[in-house]
Amino acid sequence: MNVFGIGLPEMAVIGAVALLVFGPKRLPELGRTLGKTLKGFQSASKEFEREINKAMAEPELPEAGEVNDVKVIPSTASVDSASPDIASADIASSDIKASNPEL
């Protein structure tokens, strides 16, 4: 019997030391607690493995298209409608230059 690389003689020594340290009354309680803890770790490990397998089974995202694949949508705005915004930007720019001569 070989569990975690520990043979039967080593397990007997560990059991004897545990019996001396914890006593015969607390040893069964510690064994149950250890068993429940190991079972919890095992179930968490299996859940993690299921999630990883589920993520690996999902299809990959499609590759990004080439730039040539982009559709051109005709614009409804005209260049003339943008002119007032450009004029406003020029006025704001001149105001900034007037208030900050370093620029």
PDB file of N, CA and C in Angstrom:
ATOM      1  N   MET A   1       0.849  -1.181   0.000  1.00  0.00           N
ATOM      2  CA  MET A   1       0.000   0.000   0.000  1.00  0.00           C
ATOM      3  C   MET A   1       0.889   1.237   0.000  1.00  0.00           C
ATOM      4  N   ASN A   2       0.667   2.107  -0.982  1.00  0.00           N
ATOM      5  CA  ASN A   2       1.519   3.277  -1.124  1.00  0.00           C
ATOM      6  C   ASN A   2       0.636   4.476  -1.447  1.00  0.00           C
ATOM      7  N   VAL A   3       0.402   5.341  -0.475  1.00  0.00           N
ATOM      8  CA  VAL A   3      -0.441   6.512  -0.649  1.00  0.00           C
ATOM      9  C   VAL A   3       0.430   7.752  -0.481  1.00  0.00           C
ATOM     10  N   PHE A   4       0.454   8.619  -1.487  1.00  0.00           N
ATOM     11  CA  PHE A   4       1.260   9.843  -1.475  1.00  0.00           C
ATOM     12  C   PHE A   4       2.738   9.539  -1.238  1.00  0.00           C
ATOM     13  N   GLY A   5       3.207   8.393  -1.700  1.00  0.00           N
ATOM     14  CA  GLY A   5       4.609   8.036  -1.530  1.00  0.00           C
ATOM     15  C   GLY A   5       4.941   7.576  -0.122  1.00  0.00           C
ATOM     16  N   ILE A   6       3.913   7.295   0.691  1.00  0.00           N
ATOM     17  CA  ILE A   6       4.126   6.853   2.072  1.00  0.00           C
ATOM     18  C   ILE A   6       3.725   5.385   2.154  1.00  0.00           C
ATOM     19  N   GLY A   7       4.647   4.543   2.596  1.00  0.00           N
ATOM     20  CA  GLY A   7       4.368   3.119   2.718  1.00  0.00           C
ATOM     21  C   GLY A   7       3.678   2.793   4.034  1.00  0.00           C
ATOM     22  N   LEU A   8       3.419   1.502   4.255  1.00  0.00           N
ATOM     23  CA  LEU A   8       2.727   1.042   5.457  1.00  0.00           C
ATOM     24  C   LEU A   8       3.515   1.334   6.739  1.00  0.00           C
ATOM     25  N   PRO A   9       4.820   1.117   6.778  1.00  0.00           N
ATOM     26  CA  PRO A   9       5.547   1.424   8.024  1.00  0.00           C
ATOM     27  C   PRO A   9       5.487   2.914   8.391  1.00  0.00           C
ATOM     28  N   GLU A  10       5.606   3.784   7.393  1.00  0.00           N
ATOM     29  CA  GLU A  10       5.547   5.219   7.674  1.00  0.00           C
ATOM     30  C   GLU A  10       4.164   5.626   8.176  1.00  0.00           C
ATOM     31  N   MET A  11       3.113   5.030   7.581  1.00  0.00           N
ATOM     32  CA  MET A  11       1.749   5.337   8.020  1.00  0.00           C
ATOM     33  C   MET A  11       1.524   4.876   9.459  1.00  0.00           C
ATOM     34  N   ALA A  12       2.099   3.736   9.827  1.00  0.00           N
ATOM     35  CA  ALA A  12       1.962   3.235  11.197  1.00  0.00           C
ATOM     36  C   ALA A  12       2.632   4.188  12.182  1.00  0.00           C
ATOM     37  N   VAL A  13       3.792   4.700  11.829  1.00  0.00           N
ATOM     38  CA  VAL A  13       4.490   5.652  12.705  1.00  0.00           C
ATOM     39  C   VAL A  13       3.679   6.938  12.835  1.00  0.00           C
ATOM     40  N   ILE A  14       3.149   7.452  11.731  1.00  0.00           N
ATOM     41  CA  ILE A  14       2.334   8.675  11.771  1.00  0.00           C
ATOM     42  C   ILE A  14       1.089   8.446  12.622  1.00  0.00           C
ATOM     43  N   GLY A  15       0.448   7.280  12.482  1.00  0.00           N
ATOM     44  CA  GLY A  15      -0.732   6.962  13.286  1.00  0.00           C
ATOM     45  C   GLY A  15      -0.404   6.883  14.765  1.00  0.00           C
ATOM     46  N   ALA A  16       0.729   6.274  15.111  1.00  0.00           N
ATOM     47  CA  ALA A  16       1.132   6.167  16.518  1.00  0.00           C
ATOM     48  C   ALA A  16       1.417   7.540  17.111  1.00  0.00           C
ATOM     49  N   VAL A  17       2.091   8.396  16.359  1.00  0.00           N
ATOM     50  CA  VAL A  17       2.380   9.753  16.846  1.00  0.00           C
ATOM     51  C   VAL A  17       1.081  10.533  17.015  1.00  0.00           C
ATOM     52  N   ALA A  18       0.158  10.413  16.062  1.00  0.00           N
ATOM     53  CA  ALA A  18      -1.129  11.101  16.167  1.00  0.00           C
ATOM     54  C   ALA A  18      -1.905  10.603  17.379  1.00  0.00           C
ATOM     55  N   LEU A  19      -1.849   9.300  17.653  1.00  0.00           N
ATOM     56  CA  LEU A  19      -2.531   8.741  18.818  1.00  0.00           C
ATOM     57  C   LEU A  19      -1.943   9.296  20.107  1.00  0.00           C
ATOM     58  N   LEU A  20      -0.627   9.433  20.157  1.00  0.00           N
ATOM     59  CA  LEU A  20       0.014   9.985  21.354  1.00  0.00           C
ATOM     60  C   LEU A  20      -0.290  11.470  21.524  1.00  0.00           C
ATOM     61  N   VAL A  21      -0.313  12.223  20.426  1.00  0.00           N
ATOM     62  CA  VAL A  21      -0.510  13.673  20.512  1.00  0.00           C
ATOM     63  C   VAL A  21      -1.968  14.014  20.806  1.00  0.00           C
ATOM     64  N   PHE A  22      -2.897  13.414  20.084  1.00  0.00           N
ATOM     65  CA  PHE A  22      -4.305  13.802  20.199  1.00  0.00           C
ATOM     66  C   PHE A  22      -5.109  12.922  21.156  1.00  0.00           C
ATOM     67  N   GLY A  23      -4.644  11.736  21.432  1.00  0.00           N
ATOM     68  CA  GLY A  23      -5.370  10.851  22.341  1.00  0.00           C
ATOM     69  C   GLY A  23      -6.413  10.035  21.610  1.00  0.00           C
ATOM     70  N   PRO A  24      -6.859   8.937  22.235  1.00  0.00           N
ATOM     71  CA  PRO A  24      -7.794   8.032  21.568  1.00  0.00           C
ATOM     72  C   PRO A  24      -9.196   8.617  21.400  1.00  0.00           C
ATOM     73  N   LYS A  25      -9.575   9.595  22.197  1.00  0.00           N
ATOM     74  CA  LYS A  25     -10.929  10.151  22.102  1.00  0.00           C
ATOM     75  C   LYS A  25     -11.069  11.131  20.935  1.00  0.00           C
ATOM     76  N   ARG A  26     -10.035  11.918  20.670  1.00  0.00           N
ATOM     77  CA  ARG A  26     -10.115  12.932  19.603  1.00  0.00           C
ATOM     78  C   ARG A  26      -9.683  12.402  18.245  1.00  0.00           C
ATOM     79  N   LEU A  27      -9.005  11.270  18.206  1.00  0.00           N
ATOM     80  CA  LEU A  27      -8.486  10.744  16.943  1.00  0.00           C
ATOM     81  C   LEU A  27      -9.595  10.411  15.936  1.00  0.00           C
ATOM     82  N   PRO A  28     -10.709   9.768  16.304  1.00  0.00           N
ATOM     83  CA  PRO A  28     -11.776   9.528  15.315  1.00  0.00           C
ATOM     84  C   PRO A  28     -12.384  10.825  14.777  1.00  0.00           C
ATOM     85  N   GLU A  29     -12.533  11.822  15.650  1.00  0.00           N
ATOM     86  CA  GLU A  29     -13.069  13.126  15.214  1.00  0.00           C
ATOM     87  C   GLU A  29     -12.135  13.780  14.195  1.00  0.00           C
ATOM     88  N   LEU A  30     -10.843  13.730  14.466  1.00  0.00           N
ATOM     89  CA  LEU A  30      -9.871  14.298  13.525  1.00  0.00           C
ATOM     90  C   LEU A  30      -9.874  13.536  12.202  1.00  0.00           C
ATOM     91  N   GLY A  31     -10.040  12.223  12.262  1.00  0.00           N
ATOM     92  CA  GLY A  31     -10.108  11.421  11.040  1.00  0.00           C
ATOM     93  C   GLY A  31     -11.311  11.789  10.185  1.00  0.00           C
ATOM     94  N   ARG A  32     -12.475  11.967  10.830  1.00  0.00           N
ATOM     95  CA  ARG A  32     -13.679  12.373  10.089  1.00  0.00           C
ATOM     96  C   ARG A  32     -13.493  13.752   9.463  1.00  0.00           C
ATOM     97  N   THR A  33     -12.936  14.678  10.239  1.00  0.00           N
ATOM     98  CA  THR A  33     -12.716  16.032   9.727  1.00  0.00           C
ATOM     99  C   THR A  33     -11.752  16.014   8.540  1.00  0.00           C
ATOM    100  N   LEU A  34     -10.691  15.236   8.668  1.00  0.00           N
ATOM    101  CA  LEU A  34      -9.725  15.120   7.572  1.00  0.00           C
ATOM    102  C   LEU A  34     -10.382  14.505   6.338  1.00  0.00           C
ATOM    103  N   GLY A  35     -11.213  13.492   6.534  1.00  0.00           N
ATOM    104  CA  GLY A  35     -11.916  12.858   5.414  1.00  0.00           C
ATOM    105  C   GLY A  35     -12.855  13.822   4.707  1.00  0.00           C
ATOM    106  N   LYS A  36     -13.613  14.610   5.486  1.00  0.00           N
ATOM    107  CA  LYS A  36     -14.528  15.595   4.892  1.00  0.00           C
ATOM    108  C   LYS A  36     -13.753  16.662   4.120  1.00  0.00           C
ATOM    109  N   THR A  37     -12.629  17.082   4.676  1.00  0.00           N
ATOM    110  CA  THR A  37     -11.812  18.095   4.007  1.00  0.00           C
ATOM    111  C   THR A  37     -11.268  17.566   2.686  1.00  0.00           C
ATOM    112  N   LEU A  38     -10.752  16.342   2.703  1.00  0.00           N
ATOM    113  CA  LEU A  38     -10.225  15.754   1.466  1.00  0.00           C
ATOM    114  C   LEU A  38     -11.327  15.561   0.433  1.00  0.00           C
ATOM    115  N   LYS A  39     -12.525  15.177   0.874  1.00  0.00           N
ATOM    116  CA  LYS A  39     -13.654  15.020  -0.050  1.00  0.00           C
ATOM    117  C   LYS A  39     -14.026  16.364  -0.672  1.00  0.00           C
ATOM    118  N   GLY A  40     -13.995  17.437   0.136  1.00  0.00           N
ATOM    119  CA  GLY A  40     -14.279  18.774  -0.395  1.00  0.00           C
ATOM    120  C   GLY A  40     -13.257  19.201  -1.438  1.00  0.00           C
ATOM    121  N   PHE A  41     -11.975  18.924  -1.167  1.00  0.00           N
ATOM    122  CA  PHE A  41     -10.933  19.251  -2.143  1.00  0.00           C
ATOM    123  C   PHE A  41     -11.123  18.452  -3.429  1.00  0.00           C
ATOM    124  N   GLN A  42     -11.506  17.182  -3.277  1.00  0.00           N
ATOM    125  CA  GLN A  42     -11.697  16.332  -4.451  1.00  0.00           C
ATOM    126  C   GLN A  42     -12.864  16.829  -5.301  1.00  0.00           C
ATOM    127  N   SER A  43     -13.966  17.202  -4.662  1.00  0.00           N
ATOM    128  CA  SER A  43     -15.116  17.688  -5.434  1.00  0.00           C
ATOM    129  C   SER A  43     -14.808  19.029  -6.097  1.00  0.00           C
ATOM    130  N   ALA A  44     -14.063  19.897  -5.404  1.00  0.00           N
ATOM    131  CA  ALA A  44     -13.676  21.174  -6.009  1.00  0.00           C
ATOM    132  C   ALA A  44     -12.754  20.947  -7.205  1.00  0.00           C
ATOM    133  N   SER A  45     -11.865  19.980  -7.090  1.00  0.00           N
ATOM    134  CA  SER A  45     -10.957  19.658  -8.191  1.00  0.00           C
ATOM    135  C   SER A  45     -11.726  19.128  -9.397  1.00  0.00           C
ATOM    136  N   LYS A  46     -12.713  18.273  -9.156  1.00  0.00           N
ATOM    137  CA  LYS A  46     -13.514  17.738 -10.264  1.00  0.00           C
ATOM    138  C   LYS A  46     -14.343  18.837 -10.918  1.00  0.00           C
ATOM    139  N   GLU A  47     -14.896  19.749 -10.121  1.00  0.00           N
ATOM    140  CA  GLU A  47     -15.679  20.863 -10.672  1.00  0.00           C
ATOM    141  C   GLU A  47     -14.791  21.761 -11.532  1.00  0.00           C
ATOM    142  N   PHE A  48     -13.580  22.029 -11.053  1.00  0.00           N
ATOM    143  CA  PHE A  48     -12.630  22.842 -11.818  1.00  0.00           C
ATOM    144  C   PHE A  48     -12.288  22.156 -13.136  1.00  0.00           C
ATOM    145  N   GLU A  49     -12.073  20.848 -13.090  1.00  0.00           N
ATOM    146  CA  GLU A  49     -11.752  20.099 -14.306  1.00  0.00           C
ATOM    147  C   GLU A  49     -12.921  20.134 -15.291  1.00  0.00           C
ATOM    148  N   ARG A  50     -14.166  20.014 -14.791  1.00  0.00           N
ATOM    149  CA  ARG A  50     -15.341  20.093 -15.665  1.00  0.00           C
ATOM    150  C   ARG A  50     -15.432  21.460 -16.330  1.00  0.00           C
ATOM    151  N   GLU A  51     -15.182  22.524 -15.571  1.00  0.00           N
ATOM    152  CA  GLU A  51     -15.246  23.875 -16.136  1.00  0.00           C
ATOM    153  C   GLU A  51     -14.183  24.078 -17.213  1.00  0.00           C
ATOM    154  N   ILE A  52     -12.990  23.573 -16.976  1.00  0.00           N
ATOM    155  CA  ILE A  52     -11.912  23.685 -17.973  1.00  0.00           C
ATOM    156  C   ILE A  52     -12.290  22.915 -19.238  1.00  0.00           C
ATOM    157  N   ASN A  53     -12.803  21.696 -19.077  1.00  0.00           N
ATOM    158  CA  ASN A  53     -13.207  20.905 -20.247  1.00  0.00           C
ATOM    159  C   ASN A  53     -14.347  21.577 -20.997  1.00  0.00           C
ATOM    160  N   LYS A  54     -15.276  22.182 -20.265  1.00  0.00           N
ATOM    161  CA  LYS A  54     -16.393  22.887 -20.896  1.00  0.00           C
ATOM    162  C   LYS A  54     -15.886  24.087 -21.692  1.00  0.00           C
ATOM    163  N   ALA A  55     -14.932  24.818 -21.124  1.00  0.00           N
ATOM    164  CA  ALA A  55     -14.374  25.981 -21.822  1.00  0.00           C
ATOM    165  C   ALA A  55     -13.590  25.554 -23.061  1.00  0.00           C
ATOM    166  N   MET A  56     -12.908  24.434 -22.977  1.00  0.00           N
ATOM    167  CA  MET A  56     -12.140  23.952 -24.129  1.00  0.00           C
ATOM    168  C   MET A  56     -13.063  23.448 -25.234  1.00  0.00           C
ATOM    169  N   ALA A  57     -14.256  22.976 -24.886  1.00  0.00           N
ATOM    170  CA  ALA A  57     -15.188  22.442 -25.878  1.00  0.00           C
ATOM    171  C   ALA A  57     -15.949  23.542 -26.611  1.00  0.00           C
ATOM    172  N   GLU A  58     -15.987  24.746 -26.058  1.00  0.00           N
ATOM    173  CA  GLU A  58     -16.697  25.846 -26.708  1.00  0.00           C
ATOM    174  C   GLU A  58     -15.987  26.222 -28.004  1.00  0.00           C
ATOM    175  N   PRO A  59     -16.746  26.581 -29.027  1.00  0.00           N
ATOM    176  CA  PRO A  59     -16.104  26.952 -30.291  1.00  0.00           C
ATOM    177  C   PRO A  59     -15.306  28.245 -30.136  1.00  0.00           C
ATOM    178  N   GLU A  60     -14.252  28.318 -30.908  1.00  0.00           N
ATOM    179  CA  GLU A  60     -13.414  29.510 -30.857  1.00  0.00           C
ATOM    180  C   GLU A  60     -14.105  30.663 -31.560  1.00  0.00           C
ATOM    181  N   LEU A  61     -13.692  31.863 -31.224  1.00  0.00           N
ATOM    182  CA  LEU A  61     -14.229  33.046 -31.878  1.00  0.00           C
ATOM    183  C   LEU A  61     -13.756  33.083 -33.327  1.00  0.00           C
ATOM    184  N   PRO A  62     -14.570  33.588 -34.233  1.00  0.00           N
ATOM    185  CA  PRO A  62     -14.134  33.663 -35.633  1.00  0.00           C
ATOM    186  C   PRO A  62     -12.992  34.667 -35.782  1.00  0.00           C
ATOM    187  N   GLU A  63     -12.201  34.432 -36.793  1.00  0.00           N
ATOM    188  CA  GLU A  63     -11.088  35.331 -37.067  1.00  0.00           C
ATOM    189  C   GLU A  63     -11.609  36.701 -37.478  1.00  0.00           C
ATOM    190  N   ALA A  64     -10.854  37.718 -37.184  1.00  0.00           N
ATOM    191  CA  ALA A  64     -11.234  39.074 -37.586  1.00  0.00           C
ATOM    192  C   ALA A  64     -11.114  39.191 -39.103  1.00  0.00           C
ATOM    193  N   GLY A  65     -12.016  39.936 -39.701  1.00  0.00           N
ATOM    194  CA  GLY A  65     -12.014  40.097 -41.146  1.00  0.00           C
ATOM    195  C   GLY A  65     -10.908  41.033 -41.604  1.00  0.00           C
ATOM    196  N   GLU A  66     -10.623  40.962 -42.864  1.00  0.00           N
ATOM    197  CA  GLU A  66      -9.647  41.862 -43.458  1.00  0.00           C
ATOM    198  C   GLU A  66     -10.238  43.264 -43.545  1.00  0.00           C
ATOM    199  N   VAL A  67      -9.383  44.245 -43.743  1.00  0.00           N
ATOM    200  CA  VAL A  67      -9.842  45.620 -43.882  1.00  0.00           C
ATOM    201  C   VAL A  67     -10.717  45.762 -45.118  1.00  0.00           C
ATOM    202  N   ASN A  68     -10.452  44.963 -46.142  1.00  0.00           N
ATOM    203  CA  ASN A  68     -11.237  45.031 -47.370  1.00  0.00           C
ATOM    204  C   ASN A  68     -12.671  44.545 -47.163  1.00  0.00           C
ATOM    205  N   ASP A  69     -12.915  43.801 -46.083  1.00  0.00           N
ATOM    206  CA  ASP A  69     -14.244  43.269 -45.816  1.00  0.00           C
ATOM    207  C   ASP A  69     -15.177  44.293 -45.182  1.00  0.00           C
ATOM    208  N   VAL A  70     -14.683  45.467 -44.844  1.00  0.00           N
ATOM    209  CA  VAL A  70     -15.494  46.479 -44.179  1.00  0.00           C
ATOM    210  C   VAL A  70     -16.476  47.067 -45.177  1.00  0.00           C
ATOM    211  N   LYS A  71     -17.727  47.182 -44.777  1.00  0.00           N
ATOM    212  CA  LYS A  71     -18.749  47.744 -45.655  1.00  0.00           C
ATOM    213  C   LYS A  71     -18.722  49.261 -45.552  1.00  0.00           C
ATOM    214  N   VAL A  72     -18.893  49.922 -46.682  1.00  0.00           N
ATOM    215  CA  VAL A  72     -18.935  51.381 -46.722  1.00  0.00           C
ATOM    216  C   VAL A  72     -20.393  51.803 -46.667  1.00  0.00           C
ATOM    217  N   ILE A  73     -20.730  52.628 -45.690  1.00  0.00           N
ATOM    218  CA  ILE A  73     -22.093  53.131 -45.547  1.00  0.00           C
ATOM    219  C   ILE A  73     -22.091  54.574 -46.022  1.00  0.00           C
ATOM    220  N   PRO A  74     -22.942  54.898 -46.982  1.00  0.00           N
ATOM    221  CA  PRO A  74     -22.953  56.278 -47.483  1.00  0.00           C
ATOM    222  C   PRO A  74     -23.376  57.247 -46.381  1.00  0.00           C
ATOM    223  N   SER A  75     -22.703  58.374 -46.349  1.00  0.00           N
ATOM    224  CA  SER A  75     -22.980  59.390 -45.337  1.00  0.00           C
ATOM    225  C   SER A  75     -24.108  60.299 -45.810  1.00  0.00           C
ATOM    226  N   THR A  76     -24.973  60.688 -44.895  1.00  0.00           N
ATOM    227  CA  THR A  76     -26.065  61.602 -45.235  1.00  0.00           C
ATOM    228  C   THR A  76     -25.703  63.040 -44.903  1.00  0.00           C
ATOM    229  N   ALA A  77     -24.618  63.235 -44.173  1.00  0.00           N
ATOM    230  CA  ALA A  77     -24.210  64.596 -43.808  1.00  0.00           C
ATOM    231  C   ALA A  77     -23.386  65.196 -44.937  1.00  0.00           C
ATOM    232  N   SER A  78     -23.501  66.471 -45.112  1.00  0.00           N
ATOM    233  CA  SER A  78     -22.727  67.152 -46.148  1.00  0.00           C
ATOM    234  C   SER A  78     -21.579  67.912 -45.505  1.00  0.00           C
ATOM    235  N   VAL A  79     -20.632  68.288 -46.318  1.00  0.00           N
ATOM    236  CA  VAL A  79     -19.479  69.036 -45.830  1.00  0.00           C
ATOM    237  C   VAL A  79     -19.903  70.424 -45.377  1.00  0.00           C
ATOM    238  N   ASP A  80     -20.910  70.998 -46.028  1.00  0.00           N
ATOM    239  CA  ASP A  80     -21.356  72.345 -45.669  1.00  0.00           C
ATOM    240  C   ASP A  80     -21.925  72.399 -44.257  1.00  0.00           C
ATOM    241  N   SER A  81     -22.558  71.312 -43.804  1.00  0.00           N
ATOM    242  CA  SER A  81     -23.130  71.326 -42.460  1.00  0.00           C
ATOM    243  C   SER A  81     -22.040  71.297 -41.398  1.00  0.00           C
ATOM    244  N   ALA A  82     -20.828  70.872 -41.763  1.00  0.00           N
ATOM    245  CA  ALA A  82     -19.730  70.841 -40.803  1.00  0.00           C
ATOM    246  C   ALA A  82     -19.018  72.178 -40.722  1.00  0.00           C
ATOM    247  N   SER A  83     -19.245  73.057 -41.664  1.00  0.00           N
ATOM    248  CA  SER A  83     -18.535  74.338 -41.693  1.00  0.00           C
ATOM    249  C   SER A  83     -18.724  75.177 -40.437  1.00  0.00           C
ATOM    250  N   PRO A  84     -19.940  75.320 -39.873  1.00  0.00           N
ATOM    251  CA  PRO A  84     -20.066  76.121 -38.652  1.00  0.00           C
ATOM    252  C   PRO A  84     -19.237  75.569 -37.499  1.00  0.00           C
ATOM    253  N   ASP A  85     -19.123  74.256 -37.398  1.00  0.00           N
ATOM    254  CA  ASP A  85     -18.319  73.676 -36.331  1.00  0.00           C
ATOM    255  C   ASP A  85     -16.848  74.020 -36.517  1.00  0.00           C
ATOM    256  N   ILE A  86     -16.395  74.000 -37.754  1.00  0.00           N
ATOM    257  CA  ILE A  86     -15.004  74.346 -38.026  1.00  0.00           C
ATOM    258  C   ILE A  86     -14.765  75.817 -37.723  1.00  0.00           C
ATOM    259  N   ALA A  87     -15.727  76.667 -38.080  1.00  0.00           N
ATOM    260  CA  ALA A  87     -15.587  78.095 -37.783  1.00  0.00           C
ATOM    261  C   ALA A  87     -15.551  78.320 -36.281  1.00  0.00           C
ATOM    262  N   SER A  88     -16.367  77.598 -35.530  1.00  0.00           N
ATOM    263  CA  SER A  88     -16.370  77.720 -34.071  1.00  0.00           C
ATOM    264  C   SER A  88     -15.033  77.282 -33.504  1.00  0.00           C
ATOM    265  N   ALA A  89     -14.461  76.248 -34.083  1.00  0.00           N
ATOM    266  CA  ALA A  89     -13.168  75.768 -33.615  1.00  0.00           C
ATOM    267  C   ALA A  89     -12.086  76.800 -33.886  1.00  0.00           C
ATOM    268  N   ASP A  90     -12.156  77.482 -35.036  1.00  0.00           N
ATOM    269  CA  ASP A  90     -11.176  78.525 -35.340  1.00  0.00           C
ATOM    270  C   ASP A  90     -11.284  79.682 -34.354  1.00  0.00           C
ATOM    271  N   ILE A  91     -12.502  80.074 -33.993  1.00  0.00           N
ATOM    272  CA  ILE A  91     -12.699  81.166 -33.028  1.00  0.00           C
ATOM    273  C   ILE A  91     -12.151  80.761 -31.671  1.00  0.00           C
ATOM    274  N   ALA A  92     -12.442  79.524 -31.258  1.00  0.00           N
ATOM    275  CA  ALA A  92     -11.947  79.045 -29.966  1.00  0.00           C
ATOM    276  C   ALA A  92     -10.431  79.002 -29.970  1.00  0.00           C
ATOM    277  N   SER A  93      -9.845  78.590 -31.087  1.00  0.00           N
ATOM    278  CA  SER A  93      -8.393  78.533 -31.191  1.00  0.00           C
ATOM    279  C   SER A  93      -7.781  79.918 -31.079  1.00  0.00           C
ATOM    280  N   SER A  94      -8.393  80.912 -31.724  1.00  0.00           N
ATOM    281  CA  SER A  94      -7.855  82.273 -31.641  1.00  0.00           C
ATOM    282  C   SER A  94      -8.027  82.834 -30.236  1.00  0.00           C
ATOM    283  N   ASP A  95      -9.120  82.480 -29.536  1.00  0.00           N
ATOM    284  CA  ASP A  95      -9.308  82.924 -28.152  1.00  0.00           C
ATOM    285  C   ASP A  95      -8.233  82.344 -27.246  1.00  0.00           C
ATOM    286  N   ILE A  96      -7.902  81.091 -27.460  1.00  0.00           N
ATOM    287  CA  ILE A  96      -6.875  80.447 -26.633  1.00  0.00           C
ATOM    288  C   ILE A  96      -5.527  81.093 -26.883  1.00  0.00           C
ATOM    289  N   LYS A  97      -5.219  81.375 -28.154  1.00  0.00           N
ATOM    290  CA  LYS A  97      -3.942  82.008 -28.475  1.00  0.00           C
ATOM    291  C   LYS A  97      -3.862  83.413 -27.897  1.00  0.00           C
ATOM    292  N   ALA A  98      -4.987  84.122 -27.859  1.00  0.00           N
ATOM    293  CA  ALA A  98      -4.992  85.477 -27.307  1.00  0.00           C
ATOM    294  C   ALA A  98      -4.768  85.450 -25.803  1.00  0.00           C
ATOM    295  N   SER A  99      -5.328  84.452 -25.123  1.00  0.00           N
ATOM    296  CA  SER A  99      -5.181  84.389 -23.669  1.00  0.00           C
ATOM    297  C   SER A  99      -3.843  83.785 -23.262  1.00  0.00           C
ATOM    298  N   ASN A 100      -3.228  82.984 -24.125  1.00  0.00           N
ATOM    299  CA  ASN A 100      -1.927  82.385 -23.844  1.00  0.00           C
ATOM    300  C   ASN A 100      -0.977  82.716 -24.982  1.00  0.00           C
ATOM    301  N   PRO A 101      -0.251  83.789 -24.905  1.00  0.00           N
ATOM    302  CA  PRO A 101       0.632  84.164 -26.017  1.00  0.00           C
ATOM    303  C   PRO A 101       1.779  83.180 -26.240  1.00  0.00           C
ATOM    304  N   GLU A 102       2.049  82.325 -25.263  1.00  0.00           N
ATOM    305  CA  GLU A 102       3.135  81.352 -25.416  1.00  0.00           C
ATOM    306  C   GLU A 102       2.802  80.309 -26.474  1.00  0.00           C
ATOM    307  N   LEU A 103       1.501  80.082 -26.722  1.00  0.00           N
ATOM    308  CA  LEU A 103       1.098  79.076 -27.705  1.00  0.00           C
ATOM    309  C   LEU A 103       1.249  79.645 -29.046  1.00  0.00           C
TER     310      LEU A 103
END
